[in-house]
Amino acid sequence: MKKLERQTVIITGASSGIGEASAKWLAREGAAVVLAARRRERLDELKHQIQTAGGQAIGIAADITSAEDRSRIVSETLEAFGRIDGLVNNAGYGQRGPIELVPIENIRANFETNLFSLIALTQQVIPIMRKQQSGRIVNISSVAGRVARPLSSVYDATKHALEAISDGLRGELAPFGIKVVVIEPGFILTEFLDTATERARDIFEHQSVYSALFEGTAAGYARLRKMAGTSDDIAKLVLTALTASNPRARYAAPRHAKLALFMKRLLPQGLFDYVLSRQTGVNSK
């Protein structure tokens, strides 16, 4: 019997990257996957690939920041499969730039997508899982959920908050048989960085005292690409989070992510900041 036979899992941000890879891995293990994202064409293609391979999938074109769309994700899932066994909260994006220059409305928007909308969808799923006395909520955080970086502090703050929400939920939902797991990807080769850079293009092109910092960070990211992991690295962890009898509270990948988190725990803050600056190209005085 496959590990997720007769289970239904919702995956947000399923049209590319980690969400897409997770959908394929879970479907191969027997899960009926609910693919939620804004890009209908990509969802249709992914659904076709999964069904052709013998899996079950439905696609729901939805904007996670819309209350109506969140309710539709839940209602259409129940209509199609009658239950919800897993929720993979993967939708999100990166807001880059120095705090001084990032418009406050951009900061609010990043929190709306990465945190508040995630919480709102989770709130709709919890009563269903509680009634079932079982379920798994997998929140895709980041190494940035525990390591904040210059020029990325807005995005990093959304992930720090997500980690706190997850820890609180874990205790609240344990009596109902619901497990909450955090996944902390490091640098992964997806559309994420290019999208984040494009969203911040006006800020990066702004001639300011931060220009040297921008250039140093770009060089640092170029170095990080050489050690980047893949979406499949994270999809494997999502599968583990949904199938392990007693999943850990957190999983991280690839190796450089584990190393960064280890050093964060081990090193004094000043020394850790220095090591981080050497790796990312952000030099501090």
C-alpha atoms as a PDB file:
ATOM      1  CA  MET A   1       0.000   0.000   0.000  1.00  0.00           C
ATOM      2  CA  LYS A   2       1.265   3.472  -0.863  1.00  0.00           C
ATOM      3  CA  LYS A   3       2.076   5.800   2.028  1.00  0.00           C
ATOM      4  CA  LEU A   4      -0.694   8.324   1.287  1.00  0.00           C
ATOM      5  CA  GLU A   5      -3.348   6.016  -0.106  1.00  0.00           C
ATOM      6  CA  ARG A   6      -6.888   7.429   0.362  1.00  0.00           C
ATOM      7  CA  GLN A   7      -5.555  10.728   1.706  1.00  0.00           C
ATOM      8  CA  THR A   8      -6.303  14.192   0.321  1.00  0.00           C
ATOM      9  CA  VAL A   9      -3.706  16.948   0.446  1.00  0.00           C
ATOM     10  CA  ILE A  10      -4.111  20.619  -0.513  1.00  0.00           C
ATOM     11  CA  ILE A  11      -0.974  22.291  -1.878  1.00  0.00           C
ATOM     12  CA  THR A  12      -0.889  26.059  -2.339  1.00  0.00           C
ATOM     13  CA  GLY A  13       1.553  27.661  -4.744  1.00  0.00           C
ATOM     14  CA  ALA A  14       1.397  24.405  -6.691  1.00  0.00           C
ATOM     15  CA  SER A  15       2.059  25.734 -10.191  1.00  0.00           C
ATOM     16  CA  SER A  16       5.864  25.717  -9.964  1.00  0.00           C
ATOM     17  CA  GLY A  17       8.912  25.034  -7.844  1.00  0.00           C
ATOM     18  CA  ILE A  18       8.493  23.345  -4.481  1.00  0.00           C
ATOM     19  CA  GLY A  19       4.707  23.181  -4.789  1.00  0.00           C
ATOM     20  CA  GLU A  20       4.826  21.455  -8.170  1.00  0.00           C
ATOM     21  CA  ALA A  21       7.499  18.987  -7.069  1.00  0.00           C
ATOM     22  CA  SER A  22       5.613  18.190  -3.869  1.00  0.00           C
ATOM     23  CA  ALA A  23       2.411  17.511  -5.807  1.00  0.00           C
ATOM     24  CA  LYS A  24       4.196  14.955  -7.973  1.00  0.00           C
ATOM     25  CA  TRP A  25       5.877  13.218  -5.035  1.00  0.00           C
ATOM     26  CA  LEU A  26       2.650  13.030  -2.995  1.00  0.00           C
ATOM     27  CA  ALA A  27       0.579  11.821  -5.948  1.00  0.00           C
ATOM     28  CA  ARG A  28       3.080   9.015  -6.585  1.00  0.00           C
ATOM     29  CA  GLU A  29       2.495   7.909  -2.997  1.00  0.00           C
ATOM     30  CA  GLY A  30      -1.253   7.690  -3.536  1.00  0.00           C
ATOM     31  CA  ALA A  31      -2.482  11.090  -2.345  1.00  0.00           C
ATOM     32  CA  ALA A  32      -5.320  12.856  -4.090  1.00  0.00           C
ATOM     33  CA  VAL A  33      -3.685  16.250  -4.552  1.00  0.00           C
ATOM     34  CA  VAL A  34      -5.516  19.564  -4.730  1.00  0.00           C
ATOM     35  CA  LEU A  35      -3.427  22.002  -6.763  1.00  0.00           C
ATOM     36  CA  ALA A  36      -4.069  25.624  -5.847  1.00  0.00           C
ATOM     37  CA  ALA A  37      -2.362  28.576  -7.536  1.00  0.00           C
ATOM     38  CA  ARG A  38      -3.175  31.568  -9.717  1.00  0.00           C
ATOM     39  CA  ARG A  39      -1.850  30.260 -13.051  1.00  0.00           C
ATOM     40  CA  ARG A  40      -4.588  28.109 -14.553  1.00  0.00           C
ATOM     41  CA  GLU A  41      -2.554  26.912 -17.541  1.00  0.00           C
ATOM     42  CA  ARG A  42       0.240  25.550 -15.358  1.00  0.00           C
ATOM     43  CA  LEU A  43      -2.225  23.870 -13.029  1.00  0.00           C
ATOM     44  CA  ASP A  44      -3.928  22.172 -15.958  1.00  0.00           C
ATOM     45  CA  GLU A  45      -0.599  20.891 -17.267  1.00  0.00           C
ATOM     46  CA  LEU A  46       0.461  19.596 -13.852  1.00  0.00           C
ATOM     47  CA  LYS A  47      -2.919  17.942 -13.288  1.00  0.00           C
ATOM     48  CA  HIS A  48      -2.614  16.251 -16.693  1.00  0.00           C
ATOM     49  CA  GLN A  49       0.886  14.956 -15.860  1.00  0.00           C
ATOM     50  CA  ILE A  50      -0.281  13.519 -12.541  1.00  0.00           C
ATOM     51  CA  GLN A  51      -3.390  11.898 -13.996  1.00  0.00           C
ATOM     52  CA  THR A  52      -1.450  10.459 -16.928  1.00  0.00           C
ATOM     53  CA  ALA A  53       0.884   8.829 -14.408  1.00  0.00           C
ATOM     54  CA  GLY A  54      -2.112   7.237 -12.688  1.00  0.00           C
ATOM     55  CA  GLY A  55      -2.572   9.739  -9.870  1.00  0.00           C
ATOM     56  CA  GLN A  56      -5.544  11.789  -8.699  1.00  0.00           C
ATOM     57  CA  ALA A  57      -5.538  15.577  -8.915  1.00  0.00           C
ATOM     58  CA  ILE A  58      -7.773  18.578  -9.285  1.00  0.00           C
ATOM     59  CA  GLY A  59      -6.664  22.121 -10.072  1.00  0.00           C
ATOM     60  CA  ILE A  60      -8.178  25.208  -8.476  1.00  0.00           C
ATOM     61  CA  ALA A  61      -7.130  28.558  -9.913  1.00  0.00           C
ATOM     62  CA  ALA A  62      -7.145  30.784  -6.849  1.00  0.00           C
ATOM     63  CA  ASP A  63      -5.490  33.805  -5.269  1.00  0.00           C
ATOM     64  CA  ILE A  64      -4.576  32.857  -1.714  1.00  0.00           C
ATOM     65  CA  THR A  65      -5.099  36.471  -0.576  1.00  0.00           C
ATOM     66  CA  SER A  66      -8.789  36.320  -1.564  1.00  0.00           C
ATOM     67  CA  ALA A  67     -11.183  35.182   1.187  1.00  0.00           C
ATOM     68  CA  GLU A  68     -13.605  33.945  -1.460  1.00  0.00           C
ATOM     69  CA  ASP A  69     -10.902  31.911  -3.181  1.00  0.00           C
ATOM     70  CA  ARG A  70      -9.715  30.389   0.102  1.00  0.00           C
ATOM     71  CA  SER A  71     -13.250  29.235   0.880  1.00  0.00           C
ATOM     72  CA  ARG A  72     -13.534  27.833  -2.645  1.00  0.00           C
ATOM     73  CA  ILE A  73     -10.352  25.796  -2.217  1.00  0.00           C
ATOM     74  CA  VAL A  74     -11.815  24.130   0.863  1.00  0.00           C
ATOM     75  CA  SER A  75     -15.324  23.622  -0.515  1.00  0.00           C
ATOM     76  CA  GLU A  76     -14.153  22.213  -3.861  1.00  0.00           C
ATOM     77  CA  THR A  77     -11.762  19.865  -2.079  1.00  0.00           C
ATOM     78  CA  LEU A  78     -14.546  18.499   0.104  1.00  0.00           C
ATOM     79  CA  GLU A  79     -16.869  18.214  -2.876  1.00  0.00           C
ATOM     80  CA  ALA A  80     -14.291  16.226  -4.843  1.00  0.00           C
ATOM     81  CA  PHE A  81     -12.813  14.019  -2.105  1.00  0.00           C
ATOM     82  CA  GLY A  82     -14.897  14.383   1.058  1.00  0.00           C
ATOM     83  CA  ARG A  83     -12.022  15.015   3.445  1.00  0.00           C
ATOM     84  CA  ILE A  84      -8.786  16.947   3.996  1.00  0.00           C
ATOM     85  CA  ASP A  85      -5.847  15.033   5.453  1.00  0.00           C
ATOM     86  CA  GLY A  86      -3.029  17.427   4.694  1.00  0.00           C
ATOM     87  CA  LEU A  87      -2.441  21.101   3.987  1.00  0.00           C
ATOM     88  CA  VAL A  88       0.873  22.200   2.509  1.00  0.00           C
ATOM     89  CA  ASN A  89       1.104  25.971   2.919  1.00  0.00           C
ATOM     90  CA  ASN A  90       3.622  26.767   0.204  1.00  0.00           C
ATOM     91  CA  ALA A  91       2.326  29.926  -1.497  1.00  0.00           C
ATOM     92  CA  GLY A  92       4.489  32.992  -0.977  1.00  0.00           C
ATOM     93  CA  TYR A  93       7.034  35.346  -2.479  1.00  0.00           C
ATOM     94  CA  GLY A  94      10.090  37.344  -1.483  1.00  0.00           C
ATOM     95  CA  GLN A  95      10.166  41.090  -0.942  1.00  0.00           C
ATOM     96  CA  ARG A  96      13.718  42.386  -1.198  1.00  0.00           C
ATOM     97  CA  GLY A  97      15.295  45.750  -0.509  1.00  0.00           C
ATOM     98  CA  PRO A  98      16.504  47.892   2.387  1.00  0.00           C
ATOM     99  CA  ILE A  99      13.835  48.800   4.931  1.00  0.00           C
ATOM    100  CA  GLU A 100      14.359  52.505   4.258  1.00  0.00           C
ATOM    101  CA  LEU A 101      13.326  52.134   0.614  1.00  0.00           C
ATOM    102  CA  VAL A 102      10.664  49.412   0.617  1.00  0.00           C
ATOM    103  CA  PRO A 103       7.216  51.068   0.530  1.00  0.00           C
ATOM    104  CA  ILE A 104       5.161  50.183   3.583  1.00  0.00           C
ATOM    105  CA  GLU A 105       2.333  48.932   1.360  1.00  0.00           C
ATOM    106  CA  ASN A 106       4.779  46.403  -0.153  1.00  0.00           C
ATOM    107  CA  ILE A 107       5.681  45.210   3.324  1.00  0.00           C
ATOM    108  CA  ARG A 108       2.010  44.785   4.235  1.00  0.00           C
ATOM    109  CA  ALA A 109       1.391  42.899   0.979  1.00  0.00           C
ATOM    110  CA  ASN A 110       4.246  40.487   1.701  1.00  0.00           C
ATOM    111  CA  PHE A 111       2.843  39.724   5.146  1.00  0.00           C
ATOM    112  CA  GLU A 112      -0.655  39.357   3.656  1.00  0.00           C
ATOM    113  CA  THR A 113       0.472  36.643   1.240  1.00  0.00           C
ATOM    114  CA  ASN A 114       3.139  34.870   3.273  1.00  0.00           C
ATOM    115  CA  LEU A 115       1.445  34.926   6.670  1.00  0.00           C
ATOM    116  CA  PHE A 116      -2.096  36.265   7.064  1.00  0.00           C
ATOM    117  CA  SER A 117      -3.582  34.422   4.082  1.00  0.00           C
ATOM    118  CA  LEU A 118      -1.827  31.241   5.170  1.00  0.00           C
ATOM    119  CA  ILE A 119      -3.317  31.586   8.654  1.00  0.00           C
ATOM    120  CA  ALA A 120      -6.779  32.267   7.219  1.00  0.00           C
ATOM    121  CA  LEU A 121      -6.708  29.123   5.048  1.00  0.00           C
ATOM    122  CA  THR A 122      -5.407  27.065   7.963  1.00  0.00           C
ATOM    123  CA  GLN A 123      -8.273  28.336  10.129  1.00  0.00           C
ATOM    124  CA  GLN A 124     -10.751  26.922   7.604  1.00  0.00           C
ATOM    125  CA  VAL A 125      -9.037  23.545   7.461  1.00  0.00           C
ATOM    126  CA  ILE A 126      -8.567  22.995  11.210  1.00  0.00           C
ATOM    127  CA  PRO A 127     -12.262  22.277  12.055  1.00  0.00           C
ATOM    128  CA  ILE A 128     -12.361  19.605   9.335  1.00  0.00           C
ATOM    129  CA  MET A 129      -9.204  17.917  10.621  1.00  0.00           C
ATOM    130  CA  ARG A 130     -10.385  18.264  14.219  1.00  0.00           C
ATOM    131  CA  LYS A 131     -13.628  16.484  13.372  1.00  0.00           C
ATOM    132  CA  GLN A 132     -11.601  13.729  11.689  1.00  0.00           C
ATOM    133  CA  GLN A 133      -9.256  13.615  14.726  1.00  0.00           C
ATOM    134  CA  SER A 134      -6.331  13.567  12.339  1.00  0.00           C
ATOM    135  CA  GLY A 135      -4.418  15.732   9.894  1.00  0.00           C
ATOM    136  CA  ARG A 136      -1.072  17.281   8.998  1.00  0.00           C
ATOM    137  CA  ILE A 137      -0.315  20.956   8.409  1.00  0.00           C
ATOM    138  CA  VAL A 138       3.025  21.509   6.678  1.00  0.00           C
ATOM    139  CA  ASN A 139       4.233  25.101   6.581  1.00  0.00           C
ATOM    140  CA  ILE A 140       6.956  25.908   4.070  1.00  0.00           C
ATOM    141  CA  SER A 141       9.140  28.372   5.907  1.00  0.00           C
ATOM    142  CA  SER A 142      12.806  28.956   5.089  1.00  0.00           C
ATOM    143  CA  VAL A 143      16.222  29.151   6.659  1.00  0.00           C
ATOM    144  CA  ALA A 144      15.186  32.810   6.626  1.00  0.00           C
ATOM    145  CA  GLY A 145      12.679  31.874   9.317  1.00  0.00           C
ATOM    146  CA  ARG A 146      15.597  31.755  11.729  1.00  0.00           C
ATOM    147  CA  VAL A 147      18.340  33.697   9.932  1.00  0.00           C
ATOM    148  CA  ALA A 148      17.560  37.294   8.944  1.00  0.00           C
ATOM    149  CA  ARG A 149      19.672  38.930   6.234  1.00  0.00           C
ATOM    150  CA  PRO A 150      20.265  42.488   5.048  1.00  0.00           C
ATOM    151  CA  LEU A 151      18.104  43.415   2.024  1.00  0.00           C
ATOM    152  CA  SER A 152      15.772  40.504   2.822  1.00  0.00           C
ATOM    153  CA  SER A 153      14.495  41.426   6.264  1.00  0.00           C
ATOM    154  CA  VAL A 154      10.869  41.951   5.158  1.00  0.00           C
ATOM    155  CA  TYR A 155      10.552  38.458   3.684  1.00  0.00           C
ATOM    156  CA  ASP A 156      12.599  37.008   6.526  1.00  0.00           C
ATOM    157  CA  ALA A 157      10.248  38.608   9.050  1.00  0.00           C
ATOM    158  CA  THR A 158       7.245  36.895   7.434  1.00  0.00           C
ATOM    159  CA  LYS A 159       9.007  33.554   7.844  1.00  0.00           C
ATOM    160  CA  HIS A 160      10.084  34.297  11.428  1.00  0.00           C
ATOM    161  CA  ALA A 161       6.411  34.976  12.199  1.00  0.00           C
ATOM    162  CA  LEU A 162       5.364  31.782  10.435  1.00  0.00           C
ATOM    163  CA  GLU A 163       7.731  29.782  12.622  1.00  0.00           C
ATOM    164  CA  ALA A 164       6.150  31.263  15.759  1.00  0.00           C
ATOM    165  CA  ILE A 165       2.620  30.577  14.500  1.00  0.00           C
ATOM    166  CA  SER A 166       3.623  27.000  13.701  1.00  0.00           C
ATOM    167  CA  ASP A 167       5.069  26.409  17.169  1.00  0.00           C
ATOM    168  CA  GLY A 168       1.904  27.726  18.796  1.00  0.00           C
ATOM    169  CA  LEU A 169      -0.341  25.663  16.534  1.00  0.00           C
ATOM    170  CA  ARG A 170       1.635  22.515  17.223  1.00  0.00           C
ATOM    171  CA  GLY A 171       0.655  22.573  20.888  1.00  0.00           C
ATOM    172  CA  GLU A 172      -2.896  23.756  20.288  1.00  0.00           C
ATOM    173  CA  LEU A 173      -3.721  21.026  17.788  1.00  0.00           C
ATOM    174  CA  ALA A 174      -1.859  18.078  19.300  1.00  0.00           C
ATOM    175  CA  PRO A 175      -4.847  17.017  21.460  1.00  0.00           C
ATOM    176  CA  PHE A 176      -6.907  16.588  18.271  1.00  0.00           C
ATOM    177  CA  GLY A 177      -4.442  14.341  16.473  1.00  0.00           C
ATOM    178  CA  ILE A 178      -3.270  17.133  14.145  1.00  0.00           C
ATOM    179  CA  LYS A 179       0.467  17.518  13.600  1.00  0.00           C
ATOM    180  CA  VAL A 180       2.179  20.732  12.495  1.00  0.00           C
ATOM    181  CA  VAL A 181       5.543  20.569  10.734  1.00  0.00           C
ATOM    182  CA  VAL A 182       7.829  23.332   9.447  1.00  0.00           C
ATOM    183  CA  ILE A 183      10.051  22.864   6.383  1.00  0.00           C
ATOM    184  CA  GLU A 184      13.076  25.170   6.124  1.00  0.00           C
ATOM    185  CA  PRO A 185      14.536  25.254   2.598  1.00  0.00           C
ATOM    186  CA  GLY A 186      17.861  26.871   1.976  1.00  0.00           C
ATOM    187  CA  PHE A 187      18.829  28.247  -1.432  1.00  0.00           C
ATOM    188  CA  ILE A 188      16.742  26.322  -3.980  1.00  0.00           C
ATOM    189  CA  LEU A 189      16.835  26.677  -7.762  1.00  0.00           C
ATOM    190  CA  THR A 190      13.295  27.853  -8.546  1.00  0.00           C
ATOM    191  CA  GLU A 191      11.623  30.949  -9.978  1.00  0.00           C
ATOM    192  CA  PHE A 192      11.587  32.422  -6.462  1.00  0.00           C
ATOM    193  CA  LEU A 193      14.751  34.545  -6.590  1.00  0.00           C
ATOM    194  CA  ASP A 194      14.098  35.879 -10.098  1.00  0.00           C
ATOM    195  CA  THR A 195      10.556  36.828  -9.086  1.00  0.00           C
ATOM    196  CA  ALA A 196      11.792  38.527  -5.914  1.00  0.00           C
ATOM    197  CA  THR A 197      14.405  40.451  -7.892  1.00  0.00           C
ATOM    198  CA  GLU A 198      11.865  41.569 -10.482  1.00  0.00           C
ATOM    199  CA  ARG A 199       9.462  42.778  -7.783  1.00  0.00           C
ATOM    200  CA  ALA A 200      12.247  44.888  -6.288  1.00  0.00           C
ATOM    201  CA  ARG A 201      13.701  46.142  -9.563  1.00  0.00           C
ATOM    202  CA  ASP A 202      12.662  49.760  -8.991  1.00  0.00           C
ATOM    203  CA  ILE A 203      14.284  49.678  -5.570  1.00  0.00           C
ATOM    204  CA  PHE A 204      17.510  48.075  -6.801  1.00  0.00           C
ATOM    205  CA  GLU A 205      17.800  50.529  -9.683  1.00  0.00           C
ATOM    206  CA  HIS A 206      17.340  53.459  -7.329  1.00  0.00           C
ATOM    207  CA  GLN A 207      20.632  55.350  -7.116  1.00  0.00           C
ATOM    208  CA  SER A 208      21.275  55.520  -3.403  1.00  0.00           C
ATOM    209  CA  VAL A 209      23.745  54.877  -0.641  1.00  0.00           C
ATOM    210  CA  TYR A 210      22.740  51.215  -0.869  1.00  0.00           C
ATOM    211  CA  SER A 211      24.126  50.658  -4.376  1.00  0.00           C
ATOM    212  CA  ALA A 212      27.319  48.960  -3.151  1.00  0.00           C
ATOM    213  CA  LEU A 213      25.239  46.744  -0.896  1.00  0.00           C
ATOM    214  CA  PHE A 214      23.057  45.735  -3.849  1.00  0.00           C
ATOM    215  CA  GLU A 215      26.113  44.801  -5.905  1.00  0.00           C
ATOM    216  CA  GLY A 216      27.712  42.805  -3.107  1.00  0.00           C
ATOM    217  CA  THR A 217      24.493  40.876  -2.494  1.00  0.00           C
ATOM    218  CA  ALA A 218      24.126  40.036  -6.190  1.00  0.00           C
ATOM    219  CA  ALA A 219      27.645  38.596  -6.200  1.00  0.00           C
ATOM    220  CA  GLY A 220      26.847  36.618  -3.050  1.00  0.00           C
ATOM    221  CA  TYR A 221      23.721  35.106  -4.600  1.00  0.00           C
ATOM    222  CA  ALA A 222      25.747  34.121  -7.655  1.00  0.00           C
ATOM    223  CA  ARG A 223      28.048  32.142  -5.365  1.00  0.00           C
ATOM    224  CA  LEU A 224      25.108  30.553  -3.564  1.00  0.00           C
ATOM    225  CA  ARG A 225      23.712  29.231  -6.845  1.00  0.00           C
ATOM    226  CA  LYS A 226      26.660  26.834  -7.010  1.00  0.00           C
ATOM    227  CA  MET A 227      25.511  25.073  -3.831  1.00  0.00           C
ATOM    228  CA  ALA A 228      21.765  25.375  -4.439  1.00  0.00           C
ATOM    229  CA  GLY A 229      19.403  22.488  -3.889  1.00  0.00           C
ATOM    230  CA  THR A 230      16.424  21.439  -5.989  1.00  0.00           C
ATOM    231  CA  SER A 231      12.682  21.468  -5.481  1.00  0.00           C
ATOM    232  CA  ASP A 232      12.787  17.679  -5.190  1.00  0.00           C
ATOM    233  CA  ASP A 233      15.039  18.023  -2.121  1.00  0.00           C
ATOM    234  CA  ILE A 234      12.217  19.856  -0.368  1.00  0.00           C
ATOM    235  CA  ALA A 235       9.424  17.701  -1.786  1.00  0.00           C
ATOM    236  CA  LYS A 236      11.040  14.682  -0.121  1.00  0.00           C
ATOM    237  CA  LEU A 237      10.818  16.473   3.220  1.00  0.00           C
ATOM    238  CA  VAL A 238       7.166  17.364   2.612  1.00  0.00           C
ATOM    239  CA  LEU A 239       6.472  13.670   2.009  1.00  0.00           C
ATOM    240  CA  THR A 240       8.291  12.789   5.227  1.00  0.00           C
ATOM    241  CA  ALA A 241       6.329  15.416   7.161  1.00  0.00           C
ATOM    242  CA  LEU A 242       3.060  13.915   5.930  1.00  0.00           C
ATOM    243  CA  THR A 243       3.941  10.260   6.447  1.00  0.00           C
ATOM    244  CA  ALA A 244       6.302   9.900   9.430  1.00  0.00           C
ATOM    245  CA  SER A 245       4.630   8.396  12.482  1.00  0.00           C
ATOM    246  CA  ASN A 246       6.197  11.036  14.716  1.00  0.00           C
ATOM    247  CA  PRO A 247       7.471  13.827  12.464  1.00  0.00           C
ATOM    248  CA  ARG A 248      10.004  16.290  13.772  1.00  0.00           C
ATOM    249  CA  ALA A 249       8.906  19.859  14.382  1.00  0.00           C
ATOM    250  CA  ARG A 250      11.306  21.058  11.676  1.00  0.00           C
ATOM    251  CA  TYR A 251      13.142  19.697   8.666  1.00  0.00           C
ATOM    252  CA  ALA A 252      15.788  21.571   6.658  1.00  0.00           C
ATOM    253  CA  ALA A 253      17.538  20.973   3.326  1.00  0.00           C
ATOM    254  CA  PRO A 254      19.896  20.977   1.494  1.00  0.00           C
ATOM    255  CA  ARG A 255      23.144  20.565   3.431  1.00  0.00           C
ATOM    256  CA  HIS A 256      24.079  24.257   3.426  1.00  0.00           C
ATOM    257  CA  ALA A 257      20.738  25.040   5.085  1.00  0.00           C
ATOM    258  CA  LYS A 258      21.464  22.631   7.917  1.00  0.00           C
ATOM    259  CA  LEU A 259      24.946  24.109   8.284  1.00  0.00           C
ATOM    260  CA  ALA A 260      23.612  27.679   8.445  1.00  0.00           C
ATOM    261  CA  LEU A 261      21.105  26.758  11.149  1.00  0.00           C
ATOM    262  CA  PHE A 262      23.765  24.876  13.099  1.00  0.00           C
ATOM    263  CA  MET A 263      26.096  27.882  13.015  1.00  0.00           C
ATOM    264  CA  LYS A 264      23.236  30.173  14.057  1.00  0.00           C
ATOM    265  CA  ARG A 265      22.781  28.093  17.199  1.00  0.00           C
ATOM    266  CA  LEU A 266      26.489  27.699  17.887  1.00  0.00           C
ATOM    267  CA  LEU A 267      28.181  31.018  17.109  1.00  0.00           C
ATOM    268  CA  PRO A 268      27.973  34.354  18.930  1.00  0.00           C
ATOM    269  CA  GLN A 269      25.824  36.794  16.966  1.00  0.00           C
ATOM    270  CA  GLY A 270      28.724  39.018  15.930  1.00  0.00           C
ATOM    271  CA  LEU A 271      30.741  36.121  14.549  1.00  0.00           C
ATOM    272  CA  PHE A 272      27.690  34.669  12.816  1.00  0.00           C
ATOM    273  CA  ASP A 273      26.996  38.048  11.174  1.00  0.00           C
ATOM    274  CA  TYR A 274      30.570  38.109   9.900  1.00  0.00           C
ATOM    275  CA  VAL A 275      30.317  34.599   8.442  1.00  0.00           C
ATOM    276  CA  LEU A 276      26.988  35.492   6.831  1.00  0.00           C
ATOM    277  CA  SER A 277      28.429  38.645   5.294  1.00  0.00           C
ATOM    278  CA  ARG A 278      31.302  36.696   3.767  1.00  0.00           C
ATOM    279  CA  GLN A 279      28.899  34.236   2.165  1.00  0.00           C
ATOM    280  CA  THR A 280      26.281  36.700   0.925  1.00  0.00           C
ATOM    281  CA  GLY A 281      28.582  39.541  -0.064  1.00  0.00           C
ATOM    282  CA  VAL A 282      26.976  41.938   2.414  1.00  0.00           C
ATOM    283  CA  ASN A 283      29.899  43.569   4.207  1.00  0.00           C
ATOM    284  CA  SER A 284      29.324  45.290   7.527  1.00  0.00           C
ATOM    285  CA  LYS A 285      31.564  47.874   9.130  1.00  0.00           C
END
